[in-house]
Amino acid sequence: MTADERRSRMRGFSTWTTRRWLRVGVAVSLVVLALLGTAGAWVLGRTQSISDELVNVRSPALTVAIRLEAAVLNQETGIRGYGLTGMPEFITPYEQGLTEQEASLGQLTKLLEDDHAGLDDLKTVQDAVAKWQERIARPVAAAPAGSPSPMATQRAMEGKAAFDDVRAALSGQQEQLRADRVRVRDDLMDTMALRNGVFGTIAVLIVVLTALVFEGLRRGINMPLERLGADARAVAGGDFDHPITPTGPADLRRLSREIDFMRQRLVRELALSEDTRLRLDAQAANLQRSNAELEQFAYVASHDLQEPLRKVSSFTQLLQRRYGGQLDSRADQYIDFAVDGANRMQTLINDLLDFSRVGRLHNAHQGVDLDKVLERTLSELSVGIEEAGAEITHDPLPTLFADPTQMGMLWQNLIGNAVKFRRPGETPKIHVAAAREGELWRFTVTDNGIGIAPEYADKVFVIFQRLHTKDTYTGSGIGLAMCKKIVEFHGGAIRVDPEYHDGARITFTLAPRPPENPGPSTVPEATRADAEPVR
């Protein structure tokens, strides 16, 4: 075989899959085992056949031949005694010999029915015995008893020669039967040796096949899979540049290439995600710095705005008290506008401060009994509630791990809005309900007020978004935005129920324990101290 032919054959084998290798291996093993089984069955059958021939044919035939010889000798002894003495008792051995002869001849004929040489030897014996019986035994046996038979004396030499022929035929037959038995016995021993060799070979081949199967599985499947697993573990351990080496049958090599392709794709995605992460980290750092600066600016600006705003409000109020009624009506109206604008600006600044403090200054989480917080809130809103004649009821509320100040601000804004946006001429009725919903608590604040149109269900939670003019309903538009910030800070969500049409229904969820706090604000403590407390 040339080198090109060997390379071509190796390339052909390299395209074999695991399934094909297993099929070929199993097929070869089955063929070898079938051939070995056939050889073993043939050897066993041959051994059984030879053993049966030895036990059931050759040995019994030799035994019957010996009995035949004894029967013929008994005949000769009886005839010789009867011929010499004429005594009738010598006829009995002769007659018994005839009976045994017939029985032996019948058995030998049956035993040697497939042995032509043995039948020929038996025919020779029968002819010699028949000749002796015809010339000597029958004539002597036919002579009258009581006196010696003259035939015996006359044919003594002829009888001796005839019986010598009988002896020679019997001896030849027995020698041949002995030789046949020895031959069959030797065949049996050789066949048994062959049987032992065949079964020993079968055992050795089974061991070799088993070893080849296990070695093939180890080299063709286990080792490639172990190599693939080691490469995968190296990649999983962080060495993303570690290549996946294709080994083993075609399908395992294809799997290795696909995994390596996936590794390369992951490397590209990781590089892209790392680049994106770096950009996001930079943006986050910029946002954090910007937020810190904005918070500091908001606090400084709000603090610095308080003093001039108080001056504007104080002096416009002085103008109103001192010169009210002394100027014309338009001047009085302008003064009223200035006082109202200054007051609303101060209220807006305070509300913005409260909004910015949510989750930053008010972050003292502890077990909070919402029943007590609601009762305290209702007490703080008692003046407005009594003026409106509102009826407020609530279900038993749970105890949660939360910030008590924020919970008070939440109830204050929700109850205050429900009282504020009431229907004219109708008694406000407000109900607070609570129910466990999986891991969360769901709360609903239901009123019979003017309601919220579905198209504004999301807009009301945006800061500074107002649905009514300041002349119709007072406020800065921050209340529900603050509620949304408080609820989300405590791991929940808030929304307007669009299916409720007899007023407004605000539903929100709270977690038994809020998520981890992102961290304290970066606003300096001195700036925080300058901020006004929550009203």
Protein backbone atom coordinates (compact mmCIF):
# COMPACT_ATOMS: atom_id res chain seq x y z
CA MET A 1 0.00 0.00 0.00
CA THR A 2 1.40 3.37 -1.04
CA ALA A 3 1.61 6.42 1.21
CA ASP A 4 -1.14 8.16 -0.79
CA GLU A 5 -3.43 5.19 -0.33
CA ARG A 6 -2.75 5.15 3.42
CA ARG A 7 -3.45 8.87 3.69
CA SER A 8 -6.65 8.45 1.68
CA ARG A 9 -7.79 5.64 3.95
CA MET A 10 -6.97 7.67 7.06
CA ARG A 11 -8.97 10.62 5.69
CA GLY A 12 -11.85 8.22 5.10
CA PHE A 13 -11.67 6.99 8.69
CA SER A 14 -11.48 10.57 9.98
CA THR A 15 -15.00 11.23 8.64
CA TRP A 16 -16.48 8.40 10.72
CA THR A 17 -18.81 9.48 13.51
CA THR A 18 -19.12 7.91 16.94
CA ARG A 19 -22.26 6.09 15.83
CA ARG A 20 -20.47 4.63 12.80
CA TRP A 21 -17.48 3.51 14.85
CA LEU A 22 -19.83 1.86 17.34
CA ARG A 23 -21.80 0.16 14.57
CA VAL A 24 -18.66 -1.16 12.87
CA GLY A 25 -17.17 -2.27 16.19
CA VAL A 26 -20.36 -4.03 17.24
CA ALA A 27 -20.73 -5.66 13.81
CA VAL A 28 -17.13 -6.94 13.82
CA SER A 29 -17.51 -8.20 17.39
CA LEU A 30 -20.75 -9.99 16.50
CA VAL A 31 -19.17 -11.60 13.40
CA VAL A 32 -16.15 -12.78 15.38
CA LEU A 33 -18.34 -14.07 18.20
CA ALA A 34 -20.63 -15.78 15.66
CA LEU A 35 -17.66 -17.51 13.99
CA LEU A 36 -16.26 -18.54 17.35
CA GLY A 37 -19.67 -19.75 18.45
CA THR A 38 -20.05 -21.76 15.25
CA ALA A 39 -16.61 -23.31 15.69
CA GLY A 40 -17.37 -24.08 19.33
CA ALA A 41 -20.71 -25.65 18.42
CA TRP A 42 -19.07 -27.75 15.71
CA VAL A 43 -16.34 -28.94 18.09
CA LEU A 44 -18.93 -29.77 20.76
CA GLY A 45 -21.02 -31.65 18.20
CA ARG A 46 -17.97 -33.49 16.91
CA THR A 47 -16.92 -34.43 20.43
CA GLN A 48 -20.40 -35.67 21.24
CA SER A 49 -20.58 -37.65 17.98
CA ILE A 50 -17.22 -39.36 18.53
CA SER A 51 -18.04 -40.04 22.16
CA ASP A 52 -21.36 -41.58 21.15
CA GLU A 53 -19.61 -43.73 18.55
CA LEU A 54 -17.04 -44.91 21.08
CA VAL A 55 -19.53 -45.58 23.84
CA ASN A 56 -22.47 -46.85 21.82
CA VAL A 57 -20.79 -48.58 18.84
CA ARG A 58 -17.10 -49.46 19.09
CA SER A 59 -16.89 -50.67 22.67
CA PRO A 60 -20.22 -52.62 22.54
CA ALA A 61 -19.23 -54.12 19.18
CA LEU A 62 -15.96 -55.42 20.61
CA THR A 63 -17.78 -56.81 23.62
CA VAL A 64 -20.40 -58.55 21.44
CA ALA A 65 -17.62 -59.94 19.20
CA ILE A 66 -15.97 -61.43 22.25
CA ARG A 67 -19.32 -62.92 23.27
CA LEU A 68 -19.69 -64.28 19.72
CA GLU A 69 -16.29 -65.92 20.02
CA ALA A 70 -17.29 -67.45 23.37
CA ALA A 71 -20.53 -68.76 21.83
CA VAL A 72 -18.60 -70.37 18.94
CA LEU A 73 -16.07 -71.87 21.36
CA ASN A 74 -18.92 -73.31 23.42
CA GLN A 75 -20.30 -74.88 20.26
CA GLU A 76 -16.91 -76.37 19.36
CA THR A 77 -16.38 -77.71 22.91
CA GLY A 78 -19.85 -79.27 23.00
CA ILE A 79 -19.52 -80.87 19.52
CA ARG A 80 -16.06 -82.25 20.25
CA GLY A 81 -17.23 -83.77 23.59
CA TYR A 82 -20.42 -85.18 22.04
CA GLY A 83 -18.49 -86.66 19.09
CA LEU A 84 -15.93 -88.34 21.33
CA THR A 85 -18.36 -89.64 24.01
CA GLY A 86 -21.84 -89.56 22.54
CA MET A 87 -23.11 -88.18 25.84
CA PRO A 88 -26.23 -86.02 25.35
CA GLU A 89 -25.22 -83.39 27.95
CA PHE A 90 -22.57 -82.11 25.56
CA ILE A 91 -25.28 -81.05 23.12
CA THR A 92 -26.56 -78.37 25.57
CA PRO A 93 -23.47 -76.09 25.31
CA TYR A 94 -23.70 -76.46 21.54
CA GLU A 95 -27.33 -75.41 21.42
CA GLN A 96 -26.75 -72.52 23.86
CA GLY A 97 -23.83 -71.44 21.71
CA LEU A 98 -26.11 -71.38 18.67
CA THR A 99 -28.61 -69.19 20.48
CA GLU A 100 -25.94 -66.81 21.74
CA GLN A 101 -24.40 -66.77 18.26
CA GLU A 102 -27.63 -65.64 16.64
CA ALA A 103 -28.13 -62.95 19.27
CA SER A 104 -24.54 -61.72 18.91
CA LEU A 105 -24.74 -61.72 15.13
CA GLY A 106 -27.94 -59.65 15.29
CA GLN A 107 -26.40 -57.12 17.68
CA LEU A 108 -23.21 -56.85 15.63
CA THR A 109 -25.18 -56.37 12.43
CA LYS A 110 -27.12 -53.51 14.05
CA LEU A 111 -24.05 -51.94 15.63
CA LEU A 112 -21.99 -52.14 12.42
CA GLU A 113 -24.74 -51.13 10.02
CA ASP A 114 -22.80 -47.98 9.01
CA ASP A 115 -19.38 -49.72 9.03
CA HIS A 116 -18.86 -51.54 5.74
CA ALA A 117 -15.45 -52.94 6.75
CA GLY A 118 -16.90 -54.23 9.99
CA LEU A 119 -19.79 -55.86 8.12
CA ASP A 120 -17.30 -57.49 5.76
CA ASP A 121 -15.35 -58.91 8.74
CA LEU A 122 -18.63 -60.09 10.26
CA LYS A 123 -19.53 -61.77 6.94
CA THR A 124 -16.15 -63.52 6.95
CA VAL A 125 -16.80 -64.78 10.48
CA GLN A 126 -20.30 -65.92 9.54
CA ASP A 127 -19.00 -67.77 6.47
CA ALA A 128 -16.24 -69.52 8.45
CA VAL A 129 -18.67 -70.50 11.24
CA ALA A 130 -21.26 -71.65 8.70
CA LYS A 131 -18.64 -73.76 6.88
CA TRP A 132 -17.50 -75.36 10.15
CA GLN A 133 -21.07 -75.96 11.25
CA GLU A 134 -22.01 -77.44 7.89
CA ARG A 135 -19.03 -79.78 7.61
CA ILE A 136 -18.49 -80.70 11.25
CA ALA A 137 -20.97 -79.46 13.86
CA ARG A 138 -24.29 -80.38 12.31
CA PRO A 139 -23.27 -83.88 11.13
CA VAL A 140 -21.78 -84.73 14.53
CA ALA A 141 -24.80 -83.27 16.38
CA ALA A 142 -27.10 -85.34 14.15
CA ALA A 143 -25.41 -88.62 15.15
CA PRO A 144 -27.34 -90.78 17.67
CA ALA A 145 -26.39 -90.40 21.29
CA GLY A 146 -24.89 -93.14 23.42
CA SER A 147 -21.74 -93.88 21.43
CA PRO A 148 -18.91 -91.86 19.89
CA SER A 149 -19.62 -90.43 16.47
CA PRO A 150 -17.50 -91.95 13.67
CA MET A 151 -17.87 -88.60 11.85
CA ALA A 152 -15.92 -86.88 14.56
CA THR A 153 -13.00 -89.21 14.12
CA GLN A 154 -13.12 -89.23 10.36
CA ARG A 155 -13.25 -85.50 10.02
CA ALA A 156 -11.05 -84.58 12.94
CA MET A 157 -8.35 -82.98 10.81
CA GLU A 158 -10.85 -81.20 8.58
CA GLY A 159 -12.75 -79.97 11.66
CA LYS A 160 -9.56 -78.64 13.21
CA ALA A 161 -8.69 -76.78 10.02
CA ALA A 162 -12.22 -75.39 9.68
CA PHE A 163 -12.33 -74.19 13.25
CA ASP A 164 -8.86 -72.67 12.89
CA ASP A 165 -10.38 -70.62 10.06
CA VAL A 166 -13.18 -69.65 12.45
CA ARG A 167 -10.64 -68.66 15.07
CA ALA A 168 -8.68 -66.67 12.54
CA ALA A 169 -11.82 -64.86 11.35
CA LEU A 170 -12.89 -64.08 14.92
CA SER A 171 -9.40 -62.87 15.83
CA GLY A 172 -9.25 -60.68 12.73
CA GLN A 173 -12.64 -59.24 13.51
CA GLN A 174 -11.70 -58.48 17.11
CA GLU A 175 -8.37 -56.98 16.10
CA GLN A 176 -10.13 -54.71 13.62
CA LEU A 177 -12.73 -53.74 16.24
CA ARG A 178 -9.98 -53.00 18.75
CA ALA A 179 -8.13 -50.93 16.18
CA ASP A 180 -11.33 -49.06 15.35
CA ARG A 181 -11.99 -48.39 19.02
CA VAL A 182 -8.43 -47.15 19.53
CA ARG A 183 -8.80 -44.93 16.45
CA VAL A 184 -12.10 -43.51 17.65
CA ARG A 185 -10.66 -42.98 21.12
CA ASP A 186 -7.69 -41.15 19.63
CA ASP A 187 -10.07 -39.06 17.55
CA LEU A 188 -12.02 -38.27 20.69
CA MET A 189 -8.89 -37.20 22.52
CA ASP A 190 -7.78 -35.05 19.57
CA THR A 191 -11.26 -33.53 19.30
CA MET A 192 -11.35 -32.81 23.03
CA ALA A 193 -7.95 -31.14 22.75
CA LEU A 194 -9.27 -29.14 19.80
CA ARG A 195 -12.38 -28.28 21.82
CA ASN A 196 -10.29 -27.06 24.71
CA GLY A 197 -8.16 -25.05 22.31
CA VAL A 198 -11.20 -23.54 20.60
CA PHE A 199 -12.84 -22.57 23.87
CA GLY A 200 -9.55 -21.24 25.18
CA THR A 201 -9.23 -19.19 21.99
CA ILE A 202 -12.81 -18.00 22.43
CA ALA A 203 -12.06 -16.90 25.99
CA VAL A 204 -8.87 -15.13 24.89
CA LEU A 205 -10.65 -13.43 21.98
CA ILE A 206 -13.51 -12.34 24.24
CA VAL A 207 -10.97 -10.81 26.64
CA VAL A 208 -9.16 -9.17 23.72
CA LEU A 209 -12.44 -7.87 22.25
CA THR A 210 -13.47 -6.53 25.64
CA ALA A 211 -10.11 -4.83 26.04
CA LEU A 212 -10.34 -3.43 22.49
CA VAL A 213 -13.88 -2.18 23.12
CA PHE A 214 -12.90 -0.44 26.35
CA GLU A 215 -9.73 0.95 24.80
CA GLY A 216 -11.70 2.14 21.77
CA LEU A 217 -14.28 3.80 24.01
CA ARG A 218 -11.50 5.38 26.07
CA ARG A 219 -9.58 6.67 23.08
CA GLY A 220 -12.56 7.48 20.86
CA ILE A 221 -15.06 8.88 23.40
CA ASN A 222 -13.75 9.24 26.95
CA MET A 223 -10.47 10.96 26.15
CA PRO A 224 -12.00 13.42 23.63
CA LEU A 225 -14.81 14.21 26.09
CA GLU A 226 -12.31 14.66 28.93
CA ARG A 227 -10.23 16.92 26.71
CA LEU A 228 -13.34 18.86 25.71
CA GLY A 229 -14.41 19.11 29.36
CA ALA A 230 -10.94 20.32 30.40
CA ASP A 231 -10.96 22.97 27.67
CA ALA A 232 -14.49 24.02 28.64
CA ARG A 233 -13.49 24.27 32.32
CA ALA A 234 -10.48 26.38 31.35
CA VAL A 235 -12.76 28.71 29.41
CA ALA A 236 -15.31 28.75 32.24
CA GLY A 237 -12.49 29.56 34.66
CA GLY A 238 -11.85 32.83 32.84
CA ASP A 239 -9.28 31.84 30.19
CA PHE A 240 -11.47 32.88 27.29
CA ASP A 241 -8.56 32.77 24.84
CA HIS A 242 -7.99 29.05 25.53
CA PRO A 243 -8.84 27.22 22.27
CA ILE A 244 -11.10 24.15 22.12
CA THR A 245 -9.02 21.42 20.44
CA PRO A 246 -11.10 19.10 18.17
CA THR A 247 -10.31 15.42 18.88
CA GLY A 248 -12.02 12.06 18.48
CA PRO A 249 -14.61 10.98 15.92
CA ALA A 250 -16.10 13.38 13.39
CA ASP A 251 -19.19 14.27 15.43
CA LEU A 252 -17.15 15.02 18.57
CA ARG A 253 -14.74 17.14 16.51
CA ARG A 254 -17.74 18.96 15.05
CA LEU A 255 -19.09 19.52 18.56
CA SER A 256 -15.69 20.85 19.67
CA ARG A 257 -15.60 23.25 16.72
CA GLU A 258 -19.12 24.47 17.51
CA ILE A 259 -18.18 25.02 21.16
CA ASP A 260 -15.03 26.84 20.06
CA PHE A 261 -17.15 28.97 17.73
CA MET A 262 -19.42 29.74 20.69
CA ARG A 263 -16.31 30.60 22.75
CA GLN A 264 -15.10 32.97 20.05
CA ARG A 265 -18.54 34.53 19.87
CA LEU A 266 -18.56 34.94 23.66
CA VAL A 267 -15.09 36.49 23.51
CA ARG A 268 -16.34 39.02 20.99
CA GLU A 269 -19.50 39.67 23.02
CA LEU A 270 -17.47 39.97 26.22
CA ALA A 271 -15.11 42.42 24.56
CA LEU A 272 -18.10 44.41 23.36
CA SER A 273 -19.82 44.20 26.76
CA GLU A 274 -16.59 45.15 28.52
CA ASP A 275 -16.26 48.17 26.28
CA THR A 276 -19.91 49.00 26.92
CA ARG A 277 -19.40 48.49 30.67
CA LEU A 278 -16.44 50.82 30.68
CA ARG A 279 -18.47 53.45 28.85
CA LEU A 280 -21.39 52.90 31.24
CA ASP A 281 -19.06 53.15 34.24
CA ALA A 282 -17.72 56.39 32.87
CA GLN A 283 -21.24 57.64 32.25
CA ALA A 284 -22.33 56.47 35.71
CA ALA A 285 -19.39 58.27 37.27
CA ASN A 286 -20.27 61.38 35.30
CA LEU A 287 -23.93 61.05 36.28
CA GLN A 288 -23.02 60.50 39.91
CA ARG A 289 -20.78 63.54 39.87
CA SER A 290 -23.43 65.53 38.02
CA ASN A 291 -26.16 64.38 40.44
CA ALA A 292 -24.00 65.30 43.39
CA GLU A 293 -23.35 68.71 41.91
CA LEU A 294 -27.04 69.12 41.08
CA GLU A 295 -28.07 68.11 44.60
CA GLN A 296 -25.57 70.47 46.08
CA PHE A 297 -26.69 73.18 43.70
CA ALA A 298 -30.37 72.51 44.56
CA TYR A 299 -29.69 72.78 48.26
CA VAL A 300 -27.52 75.85 47.93
CA ALA A 301 -29.90 77.46 45.47
CA SER A 302 -32.97 76.67 47.58
CA HIS A 303 -31.20 77.89 50.71
CA ASP A 304 -30.01 81.05 48.99
CA LEU A 305 -33.47 81.61 47.49
CA GLN A 306 -35.18 81.43 50.87
CA GLU A 307 -33.69 84.68 52.16
CA PRO A 308 -34.42 86.99 49.18
CA LEU A 309 -37.81 85.34 48.79
CA ARG A 310 -38.64 86.06 52.42
CA LYS A 311 -37.54 89.67 51.86
CA VAL A 312 -39.72 89.98 48.76
CA SER A 313 -42.68 88.45 50.61
CA SER A 314 -42.11 90.58 53.74
CA PHE A 315 -41.77 93.89 51.88
CA THR A 316 -44.72 93.21 49.56
CA GLN A 317 -46.81 92.39 52.61
CA LEU A 318 -45.60 95.67 54.22
CA LEU A 319 -46.57 97.52 51.06
CA GLN A 320 -49.96 95.87 51.20
CA ARG A 321 -50.54 96.81 54.85
CA ARG A 322 -49.15 100.36 54.67
CA TYR A 323 -50.31 101.52 51.27
CA GLY A 324 -53.31 99.29 50.77
CA GLY A 325 -56.28 101.45 49.80
CA GLN A 326 -54.06 104.53 49.29
CA LEU A 327 -53.24 103.68 45.71
CA ASP A 328 -55.60 102.86 42.93
CA SER A 329 -57.21 99.45 42.53
CA ARG A 330 -54.71 98.35 39.90
CA ALA A 331 -51.79 98.98 42.27
CA ASP A 332 -53.54 96.97 44.98
CA GLN A 333 -54.02 94.14 42.48
CA TYR A 334 -50.32 94.22 41.54
CA ILE A 335 -49.34 94.08 45.21
CA ASP A 336 -51.66 91.07 45.70
CA PHE A 337 -50.06 89.34 42.72
CA ALA A 338 -46.59 89.91 44.14
CA VAL A 339 -47.53 88.57 47.59
CA ASP A 340 -49.25 85.51 46.13
CA GLY A 341 -46.32 84.76 43.79
CA ALA A 342 -43.78 85.02 46.60
CA ASN A 343 -45.86 82.70 48.83
CA ARG A 344 -46.31 80.16 46.05
CA MET A 345 -42.61 80.29 45.23
CA GLN A 346 -41.74 79.60 48.86
CA THR A 347 -44.20 76.69 48.95
CA LEU A 348 -42.75 75.28 45.73
CA ILE A 349 -39.18 75.49 47.06
CA ASN A 350 -40.18 73.71 50.28
CA ASP A 351 -41.98 70.98 48.31
CA LEU A 352 -38.92 70.53 46.10
CA LEU A 353 -36.77 70.16 49.20
CA ASP A 354 -39.12 67.51 50.56
CA PHE A 355 -39.08 65.68 47.23
CA SER A 356 -35.29 65.66 47.05
CA ARG A 357 -34.98 64.39 50.63
CA VAL A 358 -36.94 61.18 49.90
CA GLY A 359 -34.55 58.23 50.21
CA ARG A 360 -31.66 60.44 51.24
CA LEU A 361 -32.31 62.19 54.53
CA HIS A 362 -35.40 60.15 55.44
CA ASN A 363 -33.84 56.68 55.37
CA ALA A 364 -34.18 55.33 58.91
CA HIS A 365 -35.80 51.96 58.28
CA GLN A 366 -37.47 50.26 61.20
CA GLY A 367 -40.64 48.35 62.02
CA VAL A 368 -43.51 50.73 61.21
CA ASP A 369 -47.11 50.15 62.27
CA LEU A 370 -49.01 51.67 59.36
CA ASP A 371 -52.19 51.86 61.45
CA LYS A 372 -50.48 54.27 63.86
CA VAL A 373 -48.87 56.23 61.03
CA LEU A 374 -52.25 56.65 59.33
CA GLU A 375 -53.91 57.74 62.58
CA ARG A 376 -51.15 60.30 63.13
CA THR A 377 -51.57 61.57 59.57
CA LEU A 378 -55.32 61.91 60.01
CA SER A 379 -54.69 63.87 63.18
CA GLU A 380 -52.38 66.26 61.31
CA LEU A 381 -54.99 66.70 58.55
CA SER A 382 -57.88 67.00 60.98
CA VAL A 383 -58.61 70.66 60.20
CA GLY A 384 -58.99 70.08 56.47
CA ILE A 385 -60.93 66.85 57.07
CA GLU A 386 -63.39 68.61 59.42
CA GLU A 387 -63.86 71.53 57.03
CA ALA A 388 -64.67 69.12 54.20
CA GLY A 389 -66.76 66.86 56.44
CA ALA A 390 -64.85 63.84 55.04
CA GLU A 391 -65.56 60.28 56.21
CA ILE A 392 -62.34 58.23 56.29
CA THR A 393 -62.27 54.47 57.00
CA HIS A 394 -59.52 51.89 56.69
CA ASP A 395 -58.88 48.17 56.99
CA PRO A 396 -56.37 46.82 59.52
CA LEU A 397 -52.96 47.80 58.15
CA PRO A 398 -49.78 45.71 58.52
CA THR A 399 -46.48 46.48 60.17
CA LEU A 400 -43.66 46.84 57.62
CA PHE A 401 -39.95 47.53 57.79
CA ALA A 402 -39.85 51.04 56.32
CA ASP A 403 -39.02 54.67 56.95
CA PRO A 404 -41.73 56.13 59.24
CA THR A 405 -41.32 59.72 57.97
CA GLN A 406 -41.74 58.64 54.35
CA MET A 407 -44.79 56.55 55.25
CA GLY A 408 -46.30 59.64 56.91
CA MET A 409 -45.60 61.72 53.80
CA LEU A 410 -47.18 59.01 51.64
CA TRP A 411 -50.45 58.91 53.63
CA GLN A 412 -50.50 62.69 53.95
CA ASN A 413 -50.34 63.25 50.20
CA LEU A 414 -52.82 60.48 49.30
CA ILE A 415 -55.41 61.39 51.96
CA GLY A 416 -54.87 65.13 51.38
CA ASN A 417 -55.46 64.73 47.62
CA ALA A 418 -58.58 62.63 48.23
CA VAL A 419 -59.98 65.37 50.50
CA LYS A 420 -58.90 68.22 48.21
CA PHE A 421 -60.31 66.84 44.95
CA ARG A 422 -63.83 66.17 46.27
CA ARG A 423 -67.07 66.63 44.38
CA PRO A 424 -68.82 69.90 45.17
CA GLY A 425 -71.86 69.43 47.35
CA GLU A 426 -71.04 65.79 48.19
CA THR A 427 -69.58 64.38 51.40
CA PRO A 428 -66.09 63.00 50.72
CA LYS A 429 -65.80 59.30 51.51
CA ILE A 430 -62.34 57.77 51.59
CA HIS A 431 -61.41 54.14 52.31
CA VAL A 432 -57.95 52.63 52.72
CA ALA A 433 -57.68 48.86 52.12
CA ALA A 434 -54.72 46.44 52.45
CA ALA A 435 -54.28 42.82 51.33
CA ARG A 436 -51.35 40.41 51.09
CA GLU A 437 -50.38 39.62 47.49
CA GLY A 438 -47.59 37.05 47.35
CA GLU A 439 -44.47 38.59 48.83
CA LEU A 440 -45.94 42.13 48.67
CA TRP A 441 -48.71 44.11 50.35
CA ARG A 442 -51.19 45.84 48.06
CA PHE A 443 -52.88 49.03 49.33
CA THR A 444 -55.75 50.97 47.77
CA VAL A 445 -56.98 54.48 48.58
CA THR A 446 -60.49 54.90 47.18
CA ASP A 447 -62.51 58.14 47.18
CA ASN A 448 -65.73 59.47 45.62
CA GLY A 449 -64.16 62.67 44.31
CA ILE A 450 -63.83 64.12 40.85
CA GLY A 451 -61.65 61.19 39.69
CA ILE A 452 -58.78 61.02 37.18
CA ALA A 453 -59.39 60.55 33.48
CA PRO A 454 -57.67 57.41 32.03
CA GLU A 455 -55.51 59.48 29.65
CA TYR A 456 -53.95 61.21 32.67
CA ALA A 457 -53.34 58.01 34.70
CA ASP A 458 -49.57 58.18 34.12
CA LYS A 459 -49.24 61.94 33.83
CA VAL A 460 -50.35 62.63 37.42
CA PHE A 461 -47.19 60.96 38.79
CA VAL A 462 -44.85 63.30 36.86
CA ILE A 463 -43.43 66.16 38.89
CA PHE A 464 -45.05 69.59 38.33
CA GLN A 465 -47.82 68.02 36.21
CA ARG A 466 -51.16 69.64 37.14
CA LEU A 467 -54.58 68.74 35.76
CA HIS A 468 -56.25 71.92 37.09
CA THR A 469 -55.34 75.57 37.35
CA LYS A 470 -53.98 76.99 40.60
CA ASP A 471 -57.16 79.06 40.95
CA THR A 472 -59.33 75.92 40.99
CA TYR A 473 -57.15 73.69 43.22
CA THR A 474 -54.09 74.82 45.15
CA GLY A 475 -50.84 72.85 45.13
CA SER A 476 -47.47 72.54 43.43
CA GLY A 477 -48.00 69.32 41.42
CA ILE A 478 -45.37 67.41 43.41
CA GLY A 479 -47.56 65.32 45.77
CA LEU A 480 -48.18 62.21 43.64
CA ALA A 481 -44.66 62.37 42.19
CA MET A 482 -43.39 62.21 45.78
CA CYS A 483 -45.73 59.26 46.48
CA LYS A 484 -44.31 57.45 43.46
CA LYS A 485 -40.76 58.08 44.61
CA ILE A 486 -41.52 56.83 48.15
CA VAL A 487 -43.29 53.66 46.93
CA GLU A 488 -40.52 52.78 44.47
CA PHE A 489 -37.90 53.45 47.15
CA HIS A 490 -39.65 50.79 49.25
CA GLY A 491 -39.65 48.20 46.44
CA GLY A 492 -43.20 48.73 45.17
CA ALA A 493 -45.17 50.32 42.34
CA ILE A 494 -48.07 52.79 42.24
CA ARG A 495 -50.76 53.43 39.65
CA VAL A 496 -54.28 54.73 39.09
CA ASP A 497 -56.96 52.03 38.77
CA PRO A 498 -58.49 52.76 35.33
CA GLU A 499 -61.49 50.48 35.97
CA TYR A 500 -62.82 52.56 38.87
CA HIS A 501 -65.15 55.36 37.69
CA ASP A 502 -66.95 56.56 40.85
CA GLY A 503 -64.05 58.74 41.89
CA ALA A 504 -60.33 57.96 42.10
CA ARG A 505 -58.62 54.81 43.28
CA ILE A 506 -54.87 54.84 43.84
CA THR A 507 -53.33 51.38 44.27
CA PHE A 508 -49.76 50.70 45.26
CA THR A 509 -47.60 47.87 46.62
CA LEU A 510 -44.98 47.82 49.36
CA ALA A 511 -42.41 45.14 50.15
CA PRO A 512 -42.15 43.85 53.74
CA ARG A 513 -38.51 44.94 53.55
CA PRO A 514 -37.33 47.56 51.02
CA PRO A 515 -34.40 46.84 48.67
CA GLU A 516 -30.86 47.75 49.58
CA ASN A 517 -30.33 51.49 49.81
CA PRO A 518 -28.06 52.71 46.99
CA GLY A 519 -26.15 54.75 49.51
CA PRO A 520 -26.19 58.13 51.24
CA SER A 521 -26.25 61.34 49.32
CA THR A 522 -23.04 63.10 48.50
CA VAL A 523 -24.46 66.45 49.63
CA PRO A 524 -22.33 67.86 52.46
CA GLU A 525 -23.77 67.64 55.96
CA ALA A 526 -23.56 71.38 56.43
CA THR A 527 -25.73 71.90 53.40
CA ARG A 528 -28.25 69.38 54.72
CA ALA A 529 -28.40 71.18 58.03
CA ASP A 530 -29.28 74.39 56.26
CA ALA A 531 -32.32 72.79 54.59
CA GLU A 532 -35.69 73.37 56.18
CA PRO A 533 -37.38 70.42 57.88
CA VAL A 534 -40.41 68.69 56.41
CA ARG A 535 -43.70 70.30 57.31
